[in-house]
PDB file of N, CA and C in Angstrom:
ATOM      1  N   MET A   1      -5.005   0.447   2.141  1.00  0.00           N
ATOM      2  CA  MET A   1      -4.951  -0.080   0.955  1.00  0.00           C
ATOM      3  C   MET A   1      -6.270  -0.075   0.428  1.00  0.00           C
ATOM      4  N   LYS A   2      -6.524  -0.035  -0.886  1.00  0.00           N
ATOM      5  CA  LYS A   2      -7.761  -0.103  -1.501  1.00  0.00           C
ATOM      6  C   LYS A   2      -8.609  -1.378  -1.981  1.00  0.00           C
ATOM      7  N   VAL A   3      -7.309  -2.085  -2.297  1.00  0.00           N
ATOM      8  CA  VAL A   3      -7.633  -3.399  -3.111  1.00  0.00           C
ATOM      9  C   VAL A   3      -7.411  -4.829  -2.033  1.00  0.00           C
ATOM     10  N   LEU A   4      -6.053  -4.640  -1.285  1.00  0.00           N
ATOM     11  CA  LEU A   4      -6.020  -5.800  -0.539  1.00  0.00           C
ATOM     12  C   LEU A   4      -6.322  -5.591   0.886  1.00  0.00           C
ATOM     13  N   THR A   5      -6.393  -6.599   1.550  1.00  0.00           N
ATOM     14  CA  THR A   5      -6.413  -6.491   3.044  1.00  0.00           C
ATOM     15  C   THR A   5      -4.870  -7.002   3.400  1.00  0.00           C
ATOM     16  N   LEU A   6      -4.554  -6.643   4.839  1.00  0.00           N
ATOM     17  CA  LEU A   6      -3.593  -7.223   5.136  1.00  0.00           C
ATOM     18  C   LEU A   6      -3.618  -8.649   5.666  1.00  0.00           C
ATOM     19  N   LYS A   7      -4.922  -9.285   6.177  1.00  0.00           N
ATOM     20  CA  LYS A   7      -4.854 -10.609   6.108  1.00  0.00           C
ATOM     21  C   LYS A   7      -4.954 -11.346   4.776  1.00  0.00           C
ATOM     22  N   GLU A   8      -5.093 -10.805   3.639  1.00  0.00           N
ATOM     23  CA  GLU A   8      -5.005 -11.617   2.253  1.00  0.00           C
ATOM     24  C   GLU A   8      -3.363 -11.581   2.015  1.00  0.00           C
ATOM     25  N   ILE A   9      -2.765 -10.548   2.399  1.00  0.00           N
ATOM     26  CA  ILE A   9      -1.313 -10.724   2.033  1.00  0.00           C
ATOM     27  C   ILE A   9      -0.708 -11.825   2.940  1.00  0.00           C
ATOM     28  N   LYS A  10      -0.899 -11.391   4.321  1.00  0.00           N
ATOM     29  CA  LYS A  10      -0.617 -12.443   5.173  1.00  0.00           C
ATOM     30  C   LYS A  10      -0.608 -13.936   4.716  1.00  0.00           C
ATOM     31  N   GLN A  11      -2.171 -14.126   4.358  1.00  0.00           N
ATOM     32  CA  GLN A  11      -2.488 -15.615   3.999  1.00  0.00           C
ATOM     33  C   GLN A  11      -1.419 -15.950   2.491  1.00  0.00           C
ATOM     34  N   ASN A  12      -1.390 -15.095   1.798  1.00  0.00           N
ATOM     35  CA  ASN A  12      -0.675 -15.303   0.287  1.00  0.00           C
ATOM     36  C   ASN A  12       0.567 -15.653   0.702  1.00  0.00           C
ATOM     37  N   SER A  13       1.503 -14.967   1.447  1.00  0.00           N
ATOM     38  CA  SER A  13       2.673 -15.021   1.679  1.00  0.00           C
ATOM     39  C   SER A  13       3.096 -16.168   2.945  1.00  0.00           C
ATOM     40  N   ARG A  14       1.878 -16.639   3.450  1.00  0.00           N
ATOM     41  CA  ARG A  14       2.254 -17.607   4.630  1.00  0.00           C
ATOM     42  C   ARG A  14       2.953 -17.040   5.825  1.00  0.00           C
ATOM     43  N   ILE A  15       2.363 -15.710   6.295  1.00  0.00           N
ATOM     44  CA  ILE A  15       3.081 -15.136   7.096  1.00  0.00           C
ATOM     45  C   ILE A  15       1.827 -15.245   8.648  1.00  0.00           C
ATOM     46  N   GLU A  16       2.716 -15.815   9.418  1.00  0.00           N
ATOM     47  CA  GLU A  16       2.245 -15.810  10.844  1.00  0.00           C
ATOM     48  C   GLU A  16       2.764 -14.691  11.731  1.00  0.00           C
ATOM     49  N   GLY A  17       2.133 -14.110  12.734  1.00  0.00           N
ATOM     50  CA  GLY A  17       2.446 -13.265  13.692  1.00  0.00           C
ATOM     51  C   GLY A  17       2.286 -11.910  13.093  1.00  0.00           C
ATOM     52  N   ASP A  18       2.438 -10.857  14.016  1.00  0.00           N
ATOM     53  CA  ASP A  18       2.193  -9.395  13.693  1.00  0.00           C
ATOM     54  C   ASP A  18       3.427  -8.590  13.631  1.00  0.00           C
ATOM     55  N   ASP A  19       4.446  -9.178  13.724  1.00  0.00           N
ATOM     56  CA  ASP A  19       5.719  -8.189  14.002  1.00  0.00           C
ATOM     57  C   ASP A  19       6.168  -7.371  12.626  1.00  0.00           C
ATOM     58  N   GLU A  20       5.758  -7.870  11.575  1.00  0.00           N
ATOM     59  CA  GLU A  20       6.058  -7.190  10.338  1.00  0.00           C
ATOM     60  C   GLU A  20       4.805  -6.386   9.563  1.00  0.00           C
ATOM     61  N   ASP A  21       3.675  -6.359  10.487  1.00  0.00           N
ATOM     62  CA  ASP A  21       2.486  -5.756  10.015  1.00  0.00           C
ATOM     63  C   ASP A  21       2.657  -4.291   9.327  1.00  0.00           C
ATOM     64  N   ALA A  22       3.292  -3.306   9.994  1.00  0.00           N
ATOM     65  CA  ALA A  22       3.519  -2.416   9.184  1.00  0.00           C
ATOM     66  C   ALA A  22       4.272  -2.272   7.882  1.00  0.00           C
ATOM     67  N   LEU A  23       5.239  -3.115   7.886  1.00  0.00           N
ATOM     68  CA  LEU A  23       6.029  -3.280   6.687  1.00  0.00           C
ATOM     69  C   LEU A  23       5.224  -3.918   5.680  1.00  0.00           C
ATOM     70  N   LEU A  24       4.172  -4.916   5.910  1.00  0.00           N
ATOM     71  CA  LEU A  24       3.147  -5.607   4.827  1.00  0.00           C
ATOM     72  C   LEU A  24       2.186  -4.589   4.496  1.00  0.00           C
ATOM     73  N   MET A  25       1.969  -3.636   5.153  1.00  0.00           N
ATOM     74  CA  MET A  25       0.734  -2.663   4.726  1.00  0.00           C
ATOM     75  C   MET A  25       1.412  -1.737   3.753  1.00  0.00           C
ATOM     76  N   MET A  26       2.956  -1.259   3.983  1.00  0.00           N
ATOM     77  CA  MET A  26       3.486  -0.353   3.244  1.00  0.00           C
ATOM     78  C   MET A  26       3.940  -1.348   1.882  1.00  0.00           C
ATOM     79  N   ILE A  27       4.118  -2.357   1.870  1.00  0.00           N
ATOM     80  CA  ILE A  27       4.348  -3.259   0.833  1.00  0.00           C
ATOM     81  C   ILE A  27       3.182  -3.247   0.188  1.00  0.00           C
ATOM     82  N   GLY A  28       1.965  -3.527   0.665  1.00  0.00           N
ATOM     83  CA  GLY A  28       0.660  -3.559   0.058  1.00  0.00           C
ATOM     84  C   GLY A  28       0.528  -2.480  -0.812  1.00  0.00           C
ATOM     85  N   ASP A  29       0.349  -1.317  -0.156  1.00  0.00           N
ATOM     86  CA  ASP A  29       0.192  -0.012  -0.712  1.00  0.00           C
ATOM     87  C   ASP A  29       1.056   0.074  -1.897  1.00  0.00           C
ATOM     88  N   THR A  30       2.285  -0.171  -1.944  1.00  0.00           N
ATOM     89  CA  THR A  30       3.037   0.060  -2.819  1.00  0.00           C
ATOM     90  C   THR A  30       2.853  -0.801  -4.161  1.00  0.00           C
ATOM     91  N   ALA A  31       2.364  -2.062  -3.833  1.00  0.00           N
ATOM     92  CA  ALA A  31       1.914  -3.038  -4.843  1.00  0.00           C
ATOM     93  C   ALA A  31       0.761  -2.425  -5.655  1.00  0.00           C
ATOM     94  N   GLU A  32      -0.444  -2.043  -4.891  1.00  0.00           N
ATOM     95  CA  GLU A  32      -1.383  -1.549  -5.587  1.00  0.00           C
ATOM     96  C   GLU A  32      -0.974  -0.370  -6.349  1.00  0.00           C
ATOM     97  N   GLU A  33      -0.181   0.635  -5.955  1.00  0.00           N
ATOM     98  CA  GLU A  33       0.097   1.568  -6.571  1.00  0.00           C
ATOM     99  C   GLU A  33       0.963   1.501  -8.084  1.00  0.00           C
ATOM    100  N   ALA A  34       1.854   0.405  -7.692  1.00  0.00           N
ATOM    101  CA  ALA A  34       2.469  -0.046  -9.011  1.00  0.00           C
ATOM    102  C   ALA A  34       1.467  -0.674  -9.859  1.00  0.00           C
ATOM    103  N   VAL A  35       0.523  -1.091  -9.753  1.00  0.00           N
ATOM    104  CA  VAL A  35      -0.282  -1.872 -10.521  1.00  0.00           C
ATOM    105  C   VAL A  35      -1.158  -0.789 -11.210  1.00  0.00           C
ATOM    106  N   ALA A  36      -1.879   0.143 -10.488  1.00  0.00           N
ATOM    107  CA  ALA A  36      -2.125   1.354 -10.958  1.00  0.00           C
ATOM    108  C   ALA A  36      -1.766   1.884 -12.133  1.00  0.00           C
ATOM    109  N   ASN A  37      -0.471   2.391 -11.467  1.00  0.00           N
ATOM    110  CA  ASN A  37       1.028   3.033 -12.692  1.00  0.00           C
ATOM    111  C   ASN A  37       0.850   2.078 -13.837  1.00  0.00           C
ATOM    112  N   ALA A  38       1.027   0.812 -13.583  1.00  0.00           N
ATOM    113  CA  ALA A  38       1.063   0.040 -14.847  1.00  0.00           C
ATOM    114  C   ALA A  38      -0.166   0.004 -15.816  1.00  0.00           C
ATOM    115  N   MET A  39      -1.062   0.348 -15.297  1.00  0.00           N
ATOM    116  CA  MET A  39      -2.582   0.296 -15.785  1.00  0.00           C
ATOM    117  C   MET A  39      -2.951   1.509 -16.537  1.00  0.00           C
ATOM    118  N   ARG A  40      -2.089   2.640 -16.009  1.00  0.00           N
ATOM    119  CA  ARG A  40      -2.381   3.903 -16.251  1.00  0.00           C
ATOM    120  C   ARG A  40      -4.047   4.302 -15.806  1.00  0.00           C
ATOM    121  N   ARG A  41      -4.303   3.984 -14.891  1.00  0.00           N
ATOM    122  CA  ARG A  41      -5.959   4.181 -14.615  1.00  0.00           C
ATOM    123  C   ARG A  41      -5.681   4.182 -13.049  1.00  0.00           C
ATOM    124  N   SER A  42      -6.523   4.885 -12.495  1.00  0.00           N
ATOM    125  CA  SER A  42      -7.033   4.855 -10.864  1.00  0.00           C
ATOM    126  C   SER A  42      -7.718   3.736 -10.468  1.00  0.00           C
ATOM    127  N   TRP A  43      -7.611   3.420  -9.256  1.00  0.00           N
ATOM    128  CA  TRP A  43      -8.222   2.227  -8.813  1.00  0.00           C
ATOM    129  C   TRP A  43      -9.930   2.543  -8.773  1.00  0.00           C
ATOM    130  N   ASP A  44      -9.979   3.643  -8.576  1.00  0.00           N
ATOM    131  CA  ASP A  44     -11.470   4.153  -8.418  1.00  0.00           C
ATOM    132  C   ASP A  44     -12.198   3.863 -10.183  1.00  0.00           C
ATOM    133  N   GLU A  45     -11.339   4.354 -10.995  1.00  0.00           N
ATOM    134  CA  GLU A  45     -12.099   4.288 -12.235  1.00  0.00           C
ATOM    135  C   GLU A  45     -12.107   2.556 -12.807  1.00  0.00           C
ATOM    136  N   VAL A  46     -11.293   1.846 -12.314  1.00  0.00           N
ATOM    137  CA  VAL A  46     -11.280   0.342 -12.601  1.00  0.00           C
ATOM    138  C   VAL A  46     -12.357  -0.171 -11.841  1.00  0.00           C
ATOM    139  N   ILE A  47     -12.724  -0.185 -10.569  1.00  0.00           N
ATOM    140  CA  ILE A  47     -13.860  -0.515  -9.644  1.00  0.00           C
ATOM    141  C   ILE A  47     -14.822   0.045 -10.170  1.00  0.00           C
ATOM    142  N   ARG A  48     -14.763   1.103 -10.701  1.00  0.00           N
ATOM    143  CA  ARG A  48     -16.293   1.546 -11.028  1.00  0.00           C
ATOM    144  C   ARG A  48     -16.710   1.172 -12.631  1.00  0.00           C
ATOM    145  N   ALA A  49     -15.630   0.753 -13.387  1.00  0.00           N
ATOM    146  CA  ALA A  49     -15.644   0.112 -14.407  1.00  0.00           C
ATOM    147  C   ALA A  49     -16.349  -1.200 -14.428  1.00  0.00           C
ATOM    148  N   ASN A  50     -15.783  -1.863 -13.327  1.00  0.00           N
ATOM    149  CA  ASN A  50     -16.165  -3.405 -13.091  1.00  0.00           C
ATOM    150  C   ASN A  50     -17.163  -3.711 -12.107  1.00  0.00           C
ATOM    151  N   GLY A  51     -18.420  -2.792 -12.370  1.00  0.00           N
ATOM    152  CA  GLY A  51     -19.344  -3.158 -11.332  1.00  0.00           C
ATOM    153  C   GLY A  51     -19.227  -2.929  -9.580  1.00  0.00           C
ATOM    154  N   GLY A  52     -18.204  -2.320  -9.579  1.00  0.00           N
ATOM    155  CA  GLY A  52     -17.674  -2.047  -8.295  1.00  0.00           C
ATOM    156  C   GLY A  52     -17.025  -3.063  -7.344  1.00  0.00           C
ATOM    157  N   LEU A  53     -16.296  -3.845  -8.227  1.00  0.00           N
ATOM    158  CA  LEU A  53     -15.559  -5.100  -7.779  1.00  0.00           C
ATOM    159  C   LEU A  53     -14.120  -4.592  -8.290  1.00  0.00           C
ATOM    160  N   VAL A  54     -12.904  -5.234  -7.943  1.00  0.00           N
ATOM    161  CA  VAL A  54     -11.536  -5.343  -8.086  1.00  0.00           C
ATOM    162  C   VAL A  54     -11.584  -6.604  -9.076  1.00  0.00           C
ATOM    163  N   PRO A  55     -10.967  -6.558 -10.454  1.00  0.00           N
ATOM    164  CA  PRO A  55     -10.909  -7.688 -11.145  1.00  0.00           C
ATOM    165  C   PRO A  55      -9.910  -8.766 -10.695  1.00  0.00           C
ATOM    166  N   LYS A  56     -10.468 -10.116 -10.512  1.00  0.00           N
ATOM    167  CA  LYS A  56      -9.443 -11.043  -9.783  1.00  0.00           C
ATOM    168  C   LYS A  56      -8.190 -11.004 -10.520  1.00  0.00           C
ATOM    169  N   PRO A  57      -7.915 -10.784 -11.665  1.00  0.00           N
ATOM    170  CA  PRO A  57      -6.364 -10.834 -12.223  1.00  0.00           C
ATOM    171  C   PRO A  57      -5.666  -9.654 -11.355  1.00  0.00           C
ATOM    172  N   LEU A  58      -6.351  -8.594 -11.215  1.00  0.00           N
ATOM    173  CA  LEU A  58      -5.532  -7.232 -10.868  1.00  0.00           C
ATOM    174  C   LEU A  58      -5.151  -7.570  -9.120  1.00  0.00           C
ATOM    175  N   ARG A  59      -6.155  -8.395  -8.472  1.00  0.00           N
ATOM    176  CA  ARG A  59      -5.920  -8.522  -7.236  1.00  0.00           C
ATOM    177  C   ARG A  59      -4.860  -9.421  -6.923  1.00  0.00           C
ATOM    178  N   HIS A  60      -4.849 -10.459  -7.763  1.00  0.00           N
ATOM    179  CA  HIS A  60      -3.870 -11.615  -7.868  1.00  0.00           C
ATOM    180  C   HIS A  60      -2.461 -10.856  -8.333  1.00  0.00           C
ATOM    181  N   ALA A  61      -2.803  -9.920  -9.140  1.00  0.00           N
ATOM    182  CA  ALA A  61      -1.385  -9.210  -9.635  1.00  0.00           C
ATOM    183  C   ALA A  61      -0.659  -8.425  -8.379  1.00  0.00           C
ATOM    184  N   CYS A  62      -1.143  -7.967  -7.415  1.00  0.00           N
ATOM    185  CA  CYS A  62      -0.866  -6.844  -6.407  1.00  0.00           C
ATOM    186  C   CYS A  62      -0.627  -8.210  -5.337  1.00  0.00           C
ATOM    187  N   LEU A  63      -0.923  -9.123  -4.967  1.00  0.00           N
ATOM    188  CA  LEU A  63      -0.603 -10.088  -4.207  1.00  0.00           C
ATOM    189  C   LEU A  63       0.589 -10.830  -4.541  1.00  0.00           C
ATOM    190  N   MET A  64       0.907 -10.937  -6.136  1.00  0.00           N
ATOM    191  CA  MET A  64       2.102 -11.436  -6.380  1.00  0.00           C
ATOM    192  C   MET A  64       3.092 -10.219  -6.312  1.00  0.00           C
ATOM    193  N   LEU A  65       2.985  -9.150  -6.451  1.00  0.00           N
ATOM    194  CA  LEU A  65       3.970  -7.988  -6.260  1.00  0.00           C
ATOM    195  C   LEU A  65       4.282  -8.142  -4.744  1.00  0.00           C
ATOM    196  N   ALA A  66       3.099  -7.868  -3.793  1.00  0.00           N
ATOM    197  CA  ALA A  66       3.471  -7.967  -2.365  1.00  0.00           C
ATOM    198  C   ALA A  66       4.325  -9.040  -1.902  1.00  0.00           C
ATOM    199  N   ASP A  67       4.123 -10.181  -2.194  1.00  0.00           N
ATOM    200  CA  ASP A  67       4.902 -11.299  -1.795  1.00  0.00           C
ATOM    201  C   ASP A  67       6.411 -11.478  -2.475  1.00  0.00           C
ATOM    202  N   HIS A  68       6.582 -10.858  -3.707  1.00  0.00           N
ATOM    203  CA  HIS A  68       7.562 -10.819  -4.465  1.00  0.00           C
ATOM    204  C   HIS A  68       8.660  -9.803  -3.478  1.00  0.00           C
ATOM    205  N   TRP A  69       7.986  -8.614  -3.313  1.00  0.00           N
ATOM    206  CA  TRP A  69       8.652  -7.237  -2.537  1.00  0.00           C
ATOM    207  C   TRP A  69       9.048  -7.695  -1.035  1.00  0.00           C
ATOM    208  N   TYR A  70       8.314  -8.492  -0.640  1.00  0.00           N
ATOM    209  CA  TYR A  70       8.408  -9.211   0.735  1.00  0.00           C
ATOM    210  C   TYR A  70       9.540 -10.028   0.930  1.00  0.00           C
ATOM    211  N   CYS A  71       9.535 -10.839  -0.386  1.00  0.00           N
ATOM    212  CA  CYS A  71      10.689 -11.943  -0.450  1.00  0.00           C
ATOM    213  C   CYS A  71      12.100 -11.440  -0.601  1.00  0.00           C
ATOM    214  N   ASN A  72      11.911 -10.394  -1.637  1.00  0.00           N
ATOM    215  CA  ASN A  72      12.870 -10.026  -2.315  1.00  0.00           C
ATOM    216  C   ASN A  72      13.205  -8.568  -1.527  1.00  0.00           C
ATOM    217  N   ARG A  73      13.698  -8.112  -0.552  1.00  0.00           N
ATOM    218  CA  ARG A  73      13.704  -6.661  -0.143  1.00  0.00           C
ATOM    219  C   ARG A  73      14.812  -5.672  -0.870  1.00  0.00           C
ATOM    220  N   GLY A  74      15.609  -6.372  -1.401  1.00  0.00           N
ATOM    221  CA  GLY A  74      16.669  -5.417  -2.388  1.00  0.00           C
ATOM    222  C   GLY A  74      16.124  -5.052  -3.628  1.00  0.00           C
ATOM    223  N   ALA A  75      16.927  -3.776  -4.291  1.00  0.00           N
ATOM    224  CA  ALA A  75      16.375  -3.412  -5.187  1.00  0.00           C
ATOM    225  C   ALA A  75      16.618  -4.346  -6.295  1.00  0.00           C
ATOM    226  N   THR A  76      17.583  -5.373  -6.531  1.00  0.00           N
ATOM    227  CA  THR A  76      17.489  -6.540  -7.590  1.00  0.00           C
ATOM    228  C   THR A  76      17.494  -7.631  -7.049  1.00  0.00           C
ATOM    229  N   SER A  77      17.526  -8.936  -7.694  1.00  0.00           N
ATOM    230  CA  SER A  77      17.692 -10.014  -7.440  1.00  0.00           C
ATOM    231  C   SER A  77      18.920 -10.628  -8.192  1.00  0.00           C
ATOM    232  N   SER A  78      19.670 -11.296  -7.539  1.00  0.00           N
ATOM    233  CA  SER A  78      21.085 -11.915  -8.270  1.00  0.00           C
ATOM    234  C   SER A  78      20.406 -12.780  -9.622  1.00  0.00           C
ATOM    235  N   ILE A  79      19.298 -13.468  -9.255  1.00  0.00           N
ATOM    236  CA  ILE A  79      18.427 -14.351 -10.232  1.00  0.00           C
ATOM    237  C   ILE A  79      18.028 -13.925 -11.453  1.00  0.00           C
ATOM    238  N   ASN A  80      17.168 -12.880 -11.419  1.00  0.00           N
ATOM    239  CA  ASN A  80      16.380 -12.603 -12.215  1.00  0.00           C
ATOM    240  C   ASN A  80      15.985 -11.097 -12.031  1.00  0.00           C
ATOM    241  N   ILE A  81      16.600 -10.191 -12.978  1.00  0.00           N
ATOM    242  CA  ILE A  81      15.879  -8.875 -12.873  1.00  0.00           C
ATOM    243  C   ILE A  81      14.928  -8.499 -13.652  1.00  0.00           C
ATOM    244  N   ASN A  82      13.777  -8.079 -13.182  1.00  0.00           N
ATOM    245  CA  ASN A  82      12.610  -8.060 -14.205  1.00  0.00           C
ATOM    246  C   ASN A  82      11.835  -6.513 -13.398  1.00  0.00           C
ATOM    247  N   ARG A  83      11.152  -5.728 -14.276  1.00  0.00           N
ATOM    248  CA  ARG A  83      10.569  -4.848 -13.689  1.00  0.00           C
ATOM    249  C   ARG A  83       9.174  -5.257 -12.829  1.00  0.00           C
ATOM    250  N   LEU A  84       8.626  -6.303 -13.476  1.00  0.00           N
ATOM    251  CA  LEU A  84       7.451  -7.150 -12.493  1.00  0.00           C
ATOM    252  C   LEU A  84       7.793  -8.634 -12.731  1.00  0.00           C
ATOM    253  N   PRO A  85       7.143  -9.251 -11.615  1.00  0.00           N
ATOM    254  CA  PRO A  85       7.695 -10.415 -11.574  1.00  0.00           C
ATOM    255  C   PRO A  85       6.830 -11.212 -12.654  1.00  0.00           C
ATOM    256  N   LEU A  86       7.206 -12.683 -13.040  1.00  0.00           N
ATOM    257  CA  LEU A  86       6.604 -13.367 -14.073  1.00  0.00           C
ATOM    258  C   LEU A  86       5.113 -13.496 -13.710  1.00  0.00           C
ATOM    259  N   GLY A  87       4.448 -13.077 -14.803  1.00  0.00           N
ATOM    260  CA  GLY A  87       2.989 -13.272 -14.496  1.00  0.00           C
ATOM    261  C   GLY A  87       2.466 -11.882 -14.201  1.00  0.00           C
ATOM    262  N   ALA A  88       2.833 -11.322 -13.417  1.00  0.00           N
ATOM    263  CA  ALA A  88       2.012  -9.872 -13.093  1.00  0.00           C
ATOM    264  C   ALA A  88       1.746  -9.211 -14.201  1.00  0.00           C
ATOM    265  N   ARG A  89       2.623  -9.019 -15.189  1.00  0.00           N
ATOM    266  CA  ARG A  89       2.251  -7.892 -16.393  1.00  0.00           C
ATOM    267  C   ARG A  89       1.274  -8.758 -17.138  1.00  0.00           C
ATOM    268  N   GLU A  90       1.214 -10.043 -17.391  1.00  0.00           N
ATOM    269  CA  GLU A  90       0.251 -10.603 -18.232  1.00  0.00           C
ATOM    270  C   GLU A  90      -0.953 -10.546 -17.586  1.00  0.00           C
ATOM    271  N   LEU A  91      -1.169 -10.458 -16.038  1.00  0.00           N
ATOM    272  CA  LEU A  91      -2.564 -10.107 -15.313  1.00  0.00           C
ATOM    273  C   LEU A  91      -2.846  -8.572 -15.664  1.00  0.00           C
ATOM    274  N   ILE A  92      -2.161  -7.671 -15.523  1.00  0.00           N
ATOM    275  CA  ILE A  92      -2.238  -6.567 -15.526  1.00  0.00           C
ATOM    276  C   ILE A  92      -2.843  -5.992 -17.144  1.00  0.00           C
ATOM    277  N   SER A  93      -1.925  -6.485 -18.193  1.00  0.00           N
ATOM    278  CA  SER A  93      -2.188  -6.117 -19.409  1.00  0.00           C
ATOM    279  C   SER A  93      -3.441  -5.968 -19.980  1.00  0.00           C
ATOM    280  N   PRO A  94      -4.457  -6.838 -19.766  1.00  0.00           N
ATOM    281  CA  PRO A  94      -5.847  -6.502 -20.588  1.00  0.00           C
ATOM    282  C   PRO A  94      -6.383  -5.097 -19.892  1.00  0.00           C
ATOM    283  N   TYR A  95      -5.877  -4.760 -18.649  1.00  0.00           N
ATOM    284  CA  TYR A  95      -6.481  -3.403 -17.970  1.00  0.00           C
ATOM    285  C   TYR A  95      -5.885  -2.147 -18.339  1.00  0.00           C
ATOM    286  N   VAL A  96      -4.695  -2.079 -18.962  1.00  0.00           N
ATOM    287  CA  VAL A  96      -4.252  -1.069 -19.356  1.00  0.00           C
ATOM    288  C   VAL A  96      -4.743  -0.280 -20.284  1.00  0.00           C
ATOM    289  N   ARG A  97      -4.888   0.959 -20.155  1.00  0.00           N
ATOM    290  CA  ARG A  97      -5.355   2.084 -21.043  1.00  0.00           C
ATOM    291  C   ARG A  97      -4.445   2.257 -21.807  1.00  0.00           C
ATOM    292  N   LEU A  98      -4.637   2.316 -22.867  1.00  0.00           N
ATOM    293  CA  LEU A  98      -3.902   2.707 -24.160  1.00  0.00           C
ATOM    294  C   LEU A  98      -4.082   3.975 -24.446  1.00  0.00           C
ATOM    295  N   LEU A  99      -2.727   4.759 -24.690  1.00  0.00           N
ATOM    296  CA  LEU A  99      -2.504   6.263 -24.677  1.00  0.00           C
ATOM    297  C   LEU A  99      -2.782   6.767 -26.424  1.00  0.00           C
TER     298      LEU A  99
END
């Protein structure tokens, strides 16, 4: 993972123990890739443009996605079907490259 750490994901999702570390790493990688795809920018580009740091809203969006996908392991939820969880899109939108 380029943006998040396993420790951050576990703290954010209130997960104890190491049983699901491999799954959490995969979910973290996927969340980072989804945010990069939504921005239409690479993480290297974003980090370079922000003085070597990942903007906090983007880090938070990655954590939101990781937690959402950890808690909702199916393709859809019977409650709410969205492409991105509520709030994640708003956190990402200022960083989207316009075509």
